[in-house]
Amino acid sequence: MMGARVSRVLGQFNLESRAHREIGKAKPAPAPRHPLPAAAAKQQPSSIEFQEEVTKKDQHLHTLLKDVYVDSRDPPKQVNKGGRLKPEERRVTNIGNLSQLDVQTVPKGKISVVEALTLLTNHHRSPQTWTAEKISMEYCLELKDVTALLTFFMPFTVEIFPHKDKKSLESR
């Protein structure tokens, strides 16, 4: 406590005169510029010529610019009366006993990881009951996406190959 008071008093001692002394010092001169070669100095335009070149209108480029037409075809954003974007539609997930492992709501047209594993397992167990059409209606997905998911994605499968040698070790 005492040391802080002493250092504060010493730091503020003669503060105004030290500030005037710093302000009164001569400012450091900038480093000298490297001299340009004579040929480069002649080619470099003066600032007046450069300003004229920048402000001059090029008629050929102007006519080419008139021929350019940009048409935007982005869909209009849906805006509420309050000026905010409309929130995307969401659906409640139906994941059963694994609710603590997954999200509770998912945007329409998407599924969570637990739902993906569940639907793949259901389809693998009973493909006649869990068809691609039923899955697309149940989870609000497009039929082509569900078909591709069922065709190309396999749920986790474990295959155990028998040993060829009797000398190999048995797993415990």
N, C-alpha and C. Protein backbone atom coordinates (compact mmCIF):
# COMPACT_ATOMS: atom_id res chain seq x y z
N MET A 1 0.82 -1.19 0.00
CA MET A 1 0.00 0.00 0.00
C MET A 1 0.87 1.26 0.00
N MET A 2 1.89 1.24 0.84
CA MET A 2 2.75 2.40 0.95
C MET A 2 3.60 2.58 -0.30
N GLY A 3 4.04 1.45 -0.90
CA GLY A 3 4.87 1.53 -2.10
C GLY A 3 4.11 2.13 -3.28
N ALA A 4 2.81 1.84 -3.37
CA ALA A 4 2.00 2.39 -4.45
C ALA A 4 1.87 3.89 -4.32
N ARG A 5 1.72 4.37 -3.11
CA ARG A 5 1.61 5.82 -2.91
C ARG A 5 2.90 6.53 -3.30
N VAL A 6 4.03 5.95 -2.90
CA VAL A 6 5.33 6.56 -3.20
C VAL A 6 5.56 6.59 -4.70
N SER A 7 5.27 5.47 -5.40
CA SER A 7 5.52 5.43 -6.83
C SER A 7 4.57 6.38 -7.57
N ARG A 8 3.32 6.53 -7.08
CA ARG A 8 2.38 7.45 -7.71
C ARG A 8 2.85 8.90 -7.54
N VAL A 9 3.35 9.25 -6.37
CA VAL A 9 3.82 10.61 -6.12
C VAL A 9 5.04 10.90 -6.98
N LEU A 10 5.96 9.92 -7.08
CA LEU A 10 7.16 10.14 -7.90
C LEU A 10 6.82 10.21 -9.38
N GLY A 11 5.80 9.45 -9.82
CA GLY A 11 5.40 9.47 -11.23
C GLY A 11 4.77 10.79 -11.62
N GLN A 12 4.08 11.44 -10.68
CA GLN A 12 3.41 12.70 -10.99
C GLN A 12 4.26 13.92 -10.64
N PHE A 13 5.46 13.70 -10.14
CA PHE A 13 6.35 14.81 -9.76
C PHE A 13 6.77 15.56 -11.00
N ASN A 14 6.57 16.88 -10.98
CA ASN A 14 7.01 17.76 -12.05
C ASN A 14 6.46 17.32 -13.41
N LEU A 15 5.23 16.85 -13.43
CA LEU A 15 4.62 16.27 -14.62
C LEU A 15 4.42 17.32 -15.72
N GLU A 16 3.97 18.50 -15.35
CA GLU A 16 3.67 19.52 -16.35
C GLU A 16 4.93 20.01 -17.05
N SER A 17 5.98 20.22 -16.30
CA SER A 17 7.22 20.70 -16.94
C SER A 17 7.83 19.61 -17.82
N ARG A 18 7.71 18.35 -17.43
CA ARG A 18 8.22 17.27 -18.28
C ARG A 18 7.42 17.18 -19.57
N ALA A 19 6.10 17.41 -19.50
CA ALA A 19 5.27 17.38 -20.70
C ALA A 19 5.63 18.52 -21.64
N HIS A 20 5.85 19.72 -21.11
CA HIS A 20 6.25 20.87 -21.95
C HIS A 20 7.60 20.61 -22.60
N ARG A 21 8.51 19.98 -21.88
CA ARG A 21 9.82 19.68 -22.44
C ARG A 21 9.70 18.69 -23.61
N GLU A 22 8.84 17.66 -23.47
CA GLU A 22 8.65 16.67 -24.55
C GLU A 22 8.02 17.32 -25.77
N ILE A 23 7.03 18.19 -25.54
CA ILE A 23 6.35 18.85 -26.65
C ILE A 23 7.29 19.81 -27.36
N GLY A 24 8.16 20.45 -26.62
CA GLY A 24 9.07 21.44 -27.20
C GLY A 24 10.22 20.82 -27.98
N LYS A 25 10.46 19.53 -27.88
CA LYS A 25 11.58 18.90 -28.61
C LYS A 25 11.34 18.97 -30.10
N ALA A 26 12.41 19.00 -30.85
CA ALA A 26 12.31 19.01 -32.31
C ALA A 26 11.84 17.63 -32.79
N LYS A 27 10.96 17.66 -33.77
CA LYS A 27 10.42 16.41 -34.31
C LYS A 27 11.49 15.75 -35.19
N PRO A 28 11.56 14.43 -35.20
CA PRO A 28 12.56 13.76 -36.03
C PRO A 28 12.26 13.97 -37.51
N ALA A 29 13.29 14.15 -38.28
CA ALA A 29 13.14 14.36 -39.72
C ALA A 29 12.90 13.01 -40.39
N PRO A 30 12.04 12.96 -41.42
CA PRO A 30 11.81 11.69 -42.11
C PRO A 30 13.07 11.26 -42.86
N ALA A 31 13.17 9.98 -43.13
CA ALA A 31 14.32 9.44 -43.84
C ALA A 31 14.33 10.00 -45.26
N PRO A 32 15.52 10.24 -45.82
CA PRO A 32 15.58 10.79 -47.18
C PRO A 32 15.08 9.77 -48.20
N ARG A 33 14.43 10.26 -49.24
CA ARG A 33 13.95 9.39 -50.31
C ARG A 33 15.10 8.99 -51.22
N HIS A 34 14.97 7.80 -51.75
CA HIS A 34 15.98 7.32 -52.68
C HIS A 34 15.83 8.08 -53.99
N PRO A 35 16.90 8.62 -54.54
CA PRO A 35 16.78 9.41 -55.78
C PRO A 35 16.41 8.51 -56.96
N LEU A 36 15.47 9.01 -57.79
CA LEU A 36 15.04 8.26 -58.97
C LEU A 36 16.07 8.43 -60.08
N PRO A 37 16.25 7.42 -60.91
CA PRO A 37 17.11 7.61 -62.09
C PRO A 37 16.52 8.66 -63.02
N ALA A 38 17.32 9.25 -63.81
CA ALA A 38 16.88 10.36 -64.67
C ALA A 38 15.82 9.89 -65.67
N ALA A 39 15.94 8.69 -66.23
CA ALA A 39 14.97 8.19 -67.21
C ALA A 39 13.61 7.97 -66.56
N ALA A 40 13.60 7.44 -65.34
CA ALA A 40 12.34 7.18 -64.66
C ALA A 40 11.68 8.49 -64.24
N ALA A 41 12.46 9.49 -63.89
CA ALA A 41 11.89 10.78 -63.49
C ALA A 41 11.20 11.46 -64.67
N LYS A 42 11.74 11.29 -65.88
CA LYS A 42 11.12 11.90 -67.05
C LYS A 42 9.82 11.18 -67.42
N GLN A 43 9.76 9.86 -67.20
CA GLN A 43 8.56 9.09 -67.56
C GLN A 43 7.44 9.26 -66.54
N GLN A 44 7.76 9.58 -65.32
CA GLN A 44 6.75 9.71 -64.27
C GLN A 44 5.91 10.96 -64.51
N PRO A 45 4.57 10.83 -64.60
CA PRO A 45 3.74 12.01 -64.86
C PRO A 45 3.66 12.88 -63.61
N SER A 46 3.51 14.15 -63.86
CA SER A 46 3.36 15.06 -62.73
C SER A 46 1.96 14.87 -62.14
N SER A 47 1.74 15.39 -60.96
CA SER A 47 0.47 15.19 -60.29
C SER A 47 -0.68 15.86 -61.06
N ILE A 48 -0.40 16.97 -61.73
CA ILE A 48 -1.45 17.65 -62.50
C ILE A 48 -1.86 16.79 -63.69
N GLU A 49 -0.86 16.26 -64.42
CA GLU A 49 -1.16 15.40 -65.56
C GLU A 49 -1.91 14.14 -65.10
N PHE A 50 -1.52 13.62 -63.97
CA PHE A 50 -2.16 12.42 -63.44
C PHE A 50 -3.62 12.70 -63.09
N GLN A 51 -3.90 13.83 -62.46
CA GLN A 51 -5.27 14.20 -62.11
C GLN A 51 -6.12 14.38 -63.37
N GLU A 52 -5.55 14.97 -64.41
CA GLU A 52 -6.29 15.13 -65.66
C GLU A 52 -6.62 13.78 -66.28
N GLU A 53 -5.67 12.86 -66.23
CA GLU A 53 -5.87 11.53 -66.81
C GLU A 53 -6.96 10.77 -66.05
N VAL A 54 -7.00 10.92 -64.75
CA VAL A 54 -8.00 10.22 -63.94
C VAL A 54 -9.39 10.76 -64.20
N THR A 55 -9.53 12.07 -64.31
CA THR A 55 -10.85 12.67 -64.47
C THR A 55 -11.34 12.67 -65.91
N LYS A 56 -10.48 12.38 -66.87
CA LYS A 56 -10.86 12.39 -68.28
C LYS A 56 -11.80 11.22 -68.56
N LYS A 57 -12.84 11.45 -69.36
CA LYS A 57 -13.82 10.43 -69.70
C LYS A 57 -13.43 9.78 -71.02
N ASP A 58 -13.30 8.45 -71.00
CA ASP A 58 -12.94 7.71 -72.21
C ASP A 58 -14.23 7.29 -72.92
N GLN A 59 -14.50 7.86 -74.10
CA GLN A 59 -15.75 7.63 -74.81
C GLN A 59 -15.91 6.17 -75.24
N HIS A 60 -14.83 5.54 -75.65
CA HIS A 60 -14.91 4.15 -76.10
C HIS A 60 -15.33 3.24 -74.94
N LEU A 61 -14.71 3.41 -73.79
CA LEU A 61 -15.08 2.60 -72.63
C LEU A 61 -16.50 2.91 -72.16
N HIS A 62 -16.90 4.17 -72.29
CA HIS A 62 -18.25 4.57 -71.89
C HIS A 62 -19.30 3.89 -72.77
N THR A 63 -19.07 3.81 -74.08
CA THR A 63 -20.02 3.13 -74.96
C THR A 63 -20.06 1.63 -74.67
N LEU A 64 -18.93 1.03 -74.34
CA LEU A 64 -18.93 -0.39 -73.97
C LEU A 64 -19.69 -0.62 -72.68
N LEU A 65 -19.59 0.30 -71.75
CA LEU A 65 -20.30 0.18 -70.48
C LEU A 65 -21.81 0.30 -70.66
N LYS A 66 -22.24 1.08 -71.65
CA LYS A 66 -23.68 1.21 -71.91
C LYS A 66 -24.27 -0.11 -72.41
N ASP A 67 -23.46 -0.94 -73.06
CA ASP A 67 -23.95 -2.23 -73.58
C ASP A 67 -24.10 -3.28 -72.49
N VAL A 68 -23.51 -3.07 -71.34
CA VAL A 68 -23.57 -4.05 -70.26
C VAL A 68 -24.89 -3.90 -69.53
N TYR A 69 -25.58 -5.04 -69.31
CA TYR A 69 -26.83 -5.04 -68.57
C TYR A 69 -26.79 -6.19 -67.58
N VAL A 70 -27.07 -5.90 -66.34
CA VAL A 70 -27.06 -6.91 -65.29
C VAL A 70 -28.48 -7.11 -64.80
N ASP A 71 -28.91 -8.36 -64.80
CA ASP A 71 -30.26 -8.68 -64.35
C ASP A 71 -30.14 -9.68 -63.21
N SER A 72 -30.59 -9.30 -62.05
CA SER A 72 -30.51 -10.16 -60.88
C SER A 72 -31.76 -10.99 -60.78
N ARG A 73 -31.58 -12.29 -60.56
CA ARG A 73 -32.72 -13.19 -60.47
C ARG A 73 -32.80 -13.87 -59.11
N ASP A 74 -32.21 -13.27 -58.10
CA ASP A 74 -32.30 -13.83 -56.75
C ASP A 74 -33.73 -13.74 -56.27
N PRO A 75 -34.19 -14.76 -55.55
CA PRO A 75 -35.55 -14.67 -55.02
C PRO A 75 -35.61 -13.61 -53.94
N PRO A 76 -36.71 -12.90 -53.84
CA PRO A 76 -36.81 -11.86 -52.80
C PRO A 76 -36.80 -12.49 -51.42
N LYS A 77 -36.13 -11.84 -50.49
CA LYS A 77 -36.08 -12.34 -49.13
C LYS A 77 -37.42 -12.08 -48.47
N GLN A 78 -37.88 -13.05 -47.69
CA GLN A 78 -39.14 -12.90 -47.00
C GLN A 78 -38.90 -12.10 -45.73
N VAL A 79 -39.58 -10.98 -45.62
CA VAL A 79 -39.38 -10.09 -44.49
C VAL A 79 -40.69 -9.94 -43.74
N ASN A 80 -40.63 -10.02 -42.44
CA ASN A 80 -41.82 -9.79 -41.61
C ASN A 80 -42.14 -8.31 -41.56
N LYS A 81 -43.26 -7.96 -40.97
CA LYS A 81 -43.64 -6.56 -40.85
C LYS A 81 -42.66 -5.79 -39.99
N GLY A 82 -42.01 -6.45 -39.04
CA GLY A 82 -41.06 -5.79 -38.16
C GLY A 82 -39.73 -5.49 -38.83
N GLY A 83 -39.54 -5.96 -40.07
CA GLY A 83 -38.29 -5.69 -40.78
C GLY A 83 -37.26 -6.79 -40.59
N ARG A 84 -37.58 -7.84 -39.83
CA ARG A 84 -36.64 -8.94 -39.62
C ARG A 84 -36.90 -10.04 -40.63
N LEU A 85 -35.88 -10.86 -40.88
CA LEU A 85 -36.04 -11.98 -41.78
C LEU A 85 -36.98 -13.01 -41.16
N LYS A 86 -37.75 -13.66 -42.01
CA LYS A 86 -38.68 -14.67 -41.54
C LYS A 86 -37.88 -15.89 -41.08
N PRO A 87 -38.14 -16.41 -39.89
CA PRO A 87 -37.38 -17.57 -39.43
C PRO A 87 -37.74 -18.79 -40.27
N GLU A 88 -36.74 -19.66 -40.49
CA GLU A 88 -36.99 -20.82 -41.31
C GLU A 88 -37.87 -21.81 -40.56
N GLU A 89 -38.61 -22.59 -41.32
CA GLU A 89 -39.52 -23.55 -40.71
C GLU A 89 -38.71 -24.66 -40.07
N ARG A 90 -39.10 -25.04 -38.87
CA ARG A 90 -38.40 -26.08 -38.14
C ARG A 90 -39.41 -27.15 -37.74
N ARG A 91 -38.91 -28.34 -37.51
CA ARG A 91 -39.77 -29.42 -37.05
C ARG A 91 -39.14 -30.04 -35.82
N VAL A 92 -39.98 -30.63 -34.99
CA VAL A 92 -39.51 -31.28 -33.77
C VAL A 92 -38.99 -32.66 -34.16
N THR A 93 -37.85 -33.04 -33.62
CA THR A 93 -37.28 -34.34 -33.94
C THR A 93 -38.01 -35.43 -33.18
N ASN A 94 -38.07 -36.60 -33.79
CA ASN A 94 -38.66 -37.75 -33.11
C ASN A 94 -37.55 -38.79 -32.96
N ILE A 95 -36.84 -38.67 -31.84
CA ILE A 95 -35.68 -39.52 -31.64
C ILE A 95 -35.81 -40.46 -30.47
N GLY A 96 -36.92 -40.43 -29.78
CA GLY A 96 -37.17 -41.42 -28.73
C GLY A 96 -36.30 -41.25 -27.51
N ASN A 97 -35.61 -42.33 -27.11
CA ASN A 97 -34.88 -42.33 -25.86
C ASN A 97 -33.50 -41.69 -25.94
N LEU A 98 -33.09 -41.18 -27.08
CA LEU A 98 -31.76 -40.57 -27.22
C LEU A 98 -31.85 -39.04 -27.23
N SER A 99 -32.84 -38.47 -26.58
CA SER A 99 -33.08 -37.03 -26.66
C SER A 99 -31.94 -36.20 -26.09
N GLN A 100 -31.22 -36.70 -25.09
CA GLN A 100 -30.14 -35.91 -24.52
C GLN A 100 -28.93 -35.86 -25.44
N LEU A 101 -28.86 -36.73 -26.45
CA LEU A 101 -27.71 -36.76 -27.34
C LEU A 101 -27.88 -35.91 -28.59
N ASP A 102 -29.06 -35.41 -28.85
CA ASP A 102 -29.30 -34.74 -30.12
C ASP A 102 -30.05 -33.44 -29.93
N VAL A 103 -30.15 -32.67 -31.02
CA VAL A 103 -30.87 -31.41 -31.00
C VAL A 103 -32.37 -31.68 -30.95
N GLN A 104 -33.13 -30.71 -30.50
CA GLN A 104 -34.57 -30.90 -30.33
C GLN A 104 -35.36 -30.50 -31.57
N THR A 105 -34.91 -29.46 -32.29
CA THR A 105 -35.60 -29.04 -33.51
C THR A 105 -34.58 -28.96 -34.65
N VAL A 106 -35.07 -29.29 -35.85
CA VAL A 106 -34.21 -29.33 -37.04
C VAL A 106 -34.93 -28.59 -38.15
N PRO A 107 -34.22 -27.83 -39.01
CA PRO A 107 -34.89 -27.18 -40.14
C PRO A 107 -35.52 -28.21 -41.07
N LYS A 108 -36.62 -27.85 -41.69
CA LYS A 108 -37.28 -28.78 -42.62
C LYS A 108 -36.35 -29.03 -43.80
N GLY A 109 -36.32 -30.29 -44.23
CA GLY A 109 -35.45 -30.68 -45.33
C GLY A 109 -34.11 -31.19 -44.85
N LYS A 110 -33.88 -31.23 -43.53
CA LYS A 110 -32.63 -31.73 -42.97
C LYS A 110 -32.96 -32.68 -41.84
N ILE A 111 -31.97 -33.52 -41.49
CA ILE A 111 -32.16 -34.45 -40.38
C ILE A 111 -30.94 -34.40 -39.48
N SER A 112 -31.13 -34.82 -38.24
CA SER A 112 -30.01 -34.84 -37.30
C SER A 112 -29.26 -36.16 -37.46
N VAL A 113 -28.12 -36.27 -36.82
CA VAL A 113 -27.29 -37.47 -36.92
C VAL A 113 -28.02 -38.67 -36.33
N VAL A 114 -28.65 -38.48 -35.17
CA VAL A 114 -29.36 -39.59 -34.53
C VAL A 114 -30.53 -40.04 -35.40
N GLU A 115 -31.24 -39.08 -36.01
CA GLU A 115 -32.34 -39.44 -36.90
C GLU A 115 -31.84 -40.20 -38.12
N ALA A 116 -30.70 -39.79 -38.66
CA ALA A 116 -30.13 -40.48 -39.82
C ALA A 116 -29.80 -41.93 -39.47
N LEU A 117 -29.16 -42.13 -38.34
CA LEU A 117 -28.83 -43.49 -37.93
C LEU A 117 -30.09 -44.30 -37.65
N THR A 118 -31.10 -43.67 -37.05
CA THR A 118 -32.34 -44.36 -36.76
C THR A 118 -33.05 -44.78 -38.04
N LEU A 119 -33.19 -43.88 -38.99
CA LEU A 119 -33.90 -44.24 -40.22
C LEU A 119 -33.13 -45.26 -41.03
N LEU A 120 -31.79 -45.19 -41.04
CA LEU A 120 -31.01 -46.20 -41.75
C LEU A 120 -31.15 -47.57 -41.10
N THR A 121 -31.16 -47.61 -39.79
CA THR A 121 -31.32 -48.88 -39.08
C THR A 121 -32.71 -49.46 -39.32
N ASN A 122 -33.74 -48.61 -39.25
CA ASN A 122 -35.11 -49.07 -39.50
C ASN A 122 -35.24 -49.62 -40.91
N HIS A 123 -34.68 -48.94 -41.89
CA HIS A 123 -34.76 -49.40 -43.28
C HIS A 123 -33.98 -50.70 -43.46
N HIS A 124 -32.86 -50.82 -42.77
CA HIS A 124 -32.05 -52.05 -42.88
C HIS A 124 -32.79 -53.24 -42.28
N ARG A 125 -33.51 -53.02 -41.18
CA ARG A 125 -34.23 -54.11 -40.51
C ARG A 125 -35.49 -54.52 -41.28
N SER A 126 -36.26 -53.53 -41.73
CA SER A 126 -37.50 -53.86 -42.46
C SER A 126 -37.66 -52.91 -43.64
N PRO A 127 -37.06 -53.24 -44.78
CA PRO A 127 -37.13 -52.35 -45.95
C PRO A 127 -38.54 -52.25 -46.56
N GLN A 128 -39.41 -53.26 -46.35
CA GLN A 128 -40.77 -53.17 -46.89
C GLN A 128 -41.60 -52.15 -46.12
N THR A 129 -41.38 -52.04 -44.82
CA THR A 129 -42.13 -51.08 -44.01
C THR A 129 -41.57 -49.68 -44.16
N TRP A 130 -40.27 -49.55 -44.02
CA TRP A 130 -39.61 -48.24 -44.09
C TRP A 130 -39.08 -48.02 -45.50
N THR A 131 -39.97 -47.67 -46.40
CA THR A 131 -39.58 -47.38 -47.78
C THR A 131 -39.07 -45.94 -47.88
N ALA A 132 -38.49 -45.62 -49.01
CA ALA A 132 -37.96 -44.27 -49.22
C ALA A 132 -39.09 -43.23 -49.17
N GLU A 133 -40.28 -43.58 -49.70
CA GLU A 133 -41.40 -42.64 -49.69
C GLU A 133 -41.87 -42.36 -48.26
N LYS A 134 -41.96 -43.43 -47.45
CA LYS A 134 -42.41 -43.24 -46.08
C LYS A 134 -41.40 -42.42 -45.28
N ILE A 135 -40.11 -42.68 -45.49
CA ILE A 135 -39.06 -41.93 -44.78
C ILE A 135 -39.09 -40.46 -45.19
N SER A 136 -39.27 -40.19 -46.49
CA SER A 136 -39.30 -38.79 -46.94
C SER A 136 -40.49 -38.04 -46.36
N MET A 137 -41.64 -38.72 -46.21
CA MET A 137 -42.80 -38.05 -45.61
C MET A 137 -42.61 -37.88 -44.10
N GLU A 138 -42.04 -38.90 -43.45
CA GLU A 138 -41.87 -38.86 -41.99
C GLU A 138 -40.91 -37.76 -41.55
N TYR A 139 -39.81 -37.58 -42.30
CA TYR A 139 -38.77 -36.65 -41.89
C TYR A 139 -38.74 -35.36 -42.72
N CYS A 140 -39.75 -35.14 -43.57
CA CYS A 140 -39.86 -33.93 -44.41
C CYS A 140 -38.63 -33.74 -45.29
N LEU A 141 -38.26 -34.79 -46.01
CA LEU A 141 -37.10 -34.75 -46.90
C LEU A 141 -37.55 -34.96 -48.34
N GLU A 142 -36.68 -34.63 -49.29
CA GLU A 142 -36.99 -34.87 -50.69
C GLU A 142 -36.72 -36.34 -51.00
N LEU A 143 -37.51 -36.90 -51.90
CA LEU A 143 -37.44 -38.33 -52.21
C LEU A 143 -36.08 -38.69 -52.82
N LYS A 144 -35.54 -37.84 -53.68
CA LYS A 144 -34.25 -38.15 -54.32
C LYS A 144 -33.13 -38.18 -53.29
N ASP A 145 -33.21 -37.31 -52.28
CA ASP A 145 -32.18 -37.32 -51.23
C ASP A 145 -32.26 -38.57 -50.38
N VAL A 146 -33.48 -38.99 -50.06
CA VAL A 146 -33.65 -40.21 -49.26
C VAL A 146 -33.19 -41.43 -50.04
N THR A 147 -33.51 -41.47 -51.32
CA THR A 147 -33.08 -42.59 -52.16
C THR A 147 -31.56 -42.66 -52.23
N ALA A 148 -30.92 -41.52 -52.39
CA ALA A 148 -29.46 -41.50 -52.43
C ALA A 148 -28.88 -41.91 -51.08
N LEU A 149 -29.49 -41.48 -50.00
CA LEU A 149 -29.01 -41.83 -48.66
C LEU A 149 -29.11 -43.33 -48.44
N LEU A 150 -30.24 -43.93 -48.82
CA LEU A 150 -30.42 -45.37 -48.63
C LEU A 150 -29.53 -46.18 -49.56
N THR A 151 -29.22 -45.64 -50.72
CA THR A 151 -28.40 -46.37 -51.68
C THR A 151 -26.93 -46.33 -51.31
N PHE A 152 -26.42 -45.16 -50.97
CA PHE A 152 -24.98 -44.99 -50.85
C PHE A 152 -24.44 -44.98 -49.43
N PHE A 153 -25.29 -44.84 -48.42
CA PHE A 153 -24.81 -44.78 -47.05
C PHE A 153 -25.21 -46.03 -46.31
N MET A 154 -24.24 -46.71 -45.72
CA MET A 154 -24.52 -47.93 -44.96
C MET A 154 -24.33 -47.62 -43.49
N PRO A 155 -25.27 -48.05 -42.64
CA PRO A 155 -25.05 -47.86 -41.21
C PRO A 155 -23.87 -48.67 -40.74
N PHE A 156 -23.43 -48.39 -39.56
CA PHE A 156 -22.25 -49.05 -39.04
C PHE A 156 -22.49 -50.56 -38.95
N THR A 157 -21.69 -51.32 -39.64
CA THR A 157 -21.79 -52.78 -39.59
C THR A 157 -20.46 -53.34 -39.14
N VAL A 158 -20.53 -54.40 -38.39
CA VAL A 158 -19.33 -55.07 -37.91
C VAL A 158 -19.31 -56.46 -38.49
N GLU A 159 -18.24 -56.80 -39.16
CA GLU A 159 -18.09 -58.12 -39.73
C GLU A 159 -16.91 -58.79 -39.05
N ILE A 160 -17.11 -60.00 -38.58
CA ILE A 160 -16.05 -60.76 -37.94
C ILE A 160 -15.70 -61.91 -38.87
N PHE A 161 -14.48 -61.95 -39.32
CA PHE A 161 -14.02 -63.00 -40.23
C PHE A 161 -13.46 -64.15 -39.41
N PRO A 162 -13.75 -65.40 -39.79
CA PRO A 162 -13.21 -66.54 -39.04
C PRO A 162 -11.71 -66.66 -39.28
N HIS A 163 -11.04 -67.23 -38.26
CA HIS A 163 -9.60 -67.42 -38.38
C HIS A 163 -9.30 -68.56 -39.33
N LYS A 164 -8.25 -68.42 -40.12
CA LYS A 164 -7.87 -69.47 -41.06
C LYS A 164 -6.95 -70.50 -40.39
N ASP A 165 -6.15 -70.05 -39.43
CA ASP A 165 -5.23 -70.96 -38.76
C ASP A 165 -5.78 -71.36 -37.41
N LYS A 166 -5.47 -72.56 -37.01
CA LYS A 166 -5.83 -72.96 -35.66
C LYS A 166 -4.80 -72.45 -34.68
N LYS A 167 -3.64 -72.02 -35.20
CA LYS A 167 -2.57 -71.54 -34.34
C LYS A 167 -2.80 -70.11 -33.88
N SER A 168 -3.71 -69.39 -34.52
CA SER A 168 -3.94 -68.02 -34.13
C SER A 168 -4.58 -67.94 -32.77
N LEU A 169 -4.37 -66.85 -32.09
CA LEU A 169 -4.86 -66.68 -30.74
C LEU A 169 -6.36 -66.45 -30.72
N GLU A 170 -7.01 -66.98 -29.73
CA GLU A 170 -8.45 -66.76 -29.54
C GLU A 170 -8.64 -65.45 -28.82
N SER A 171 -9.67 -64.67 -29.18
CA SER A 171 -9.95 -63.43 -28.45
C SER A 171 -10.74 -63.75 -27.21
N ARG A 172 -10.47 -63.08 -26.13
CA ARG A 172 -11.14 -63.38 -24.85
C ARG A 172 -12.27 -62.44 -24.62
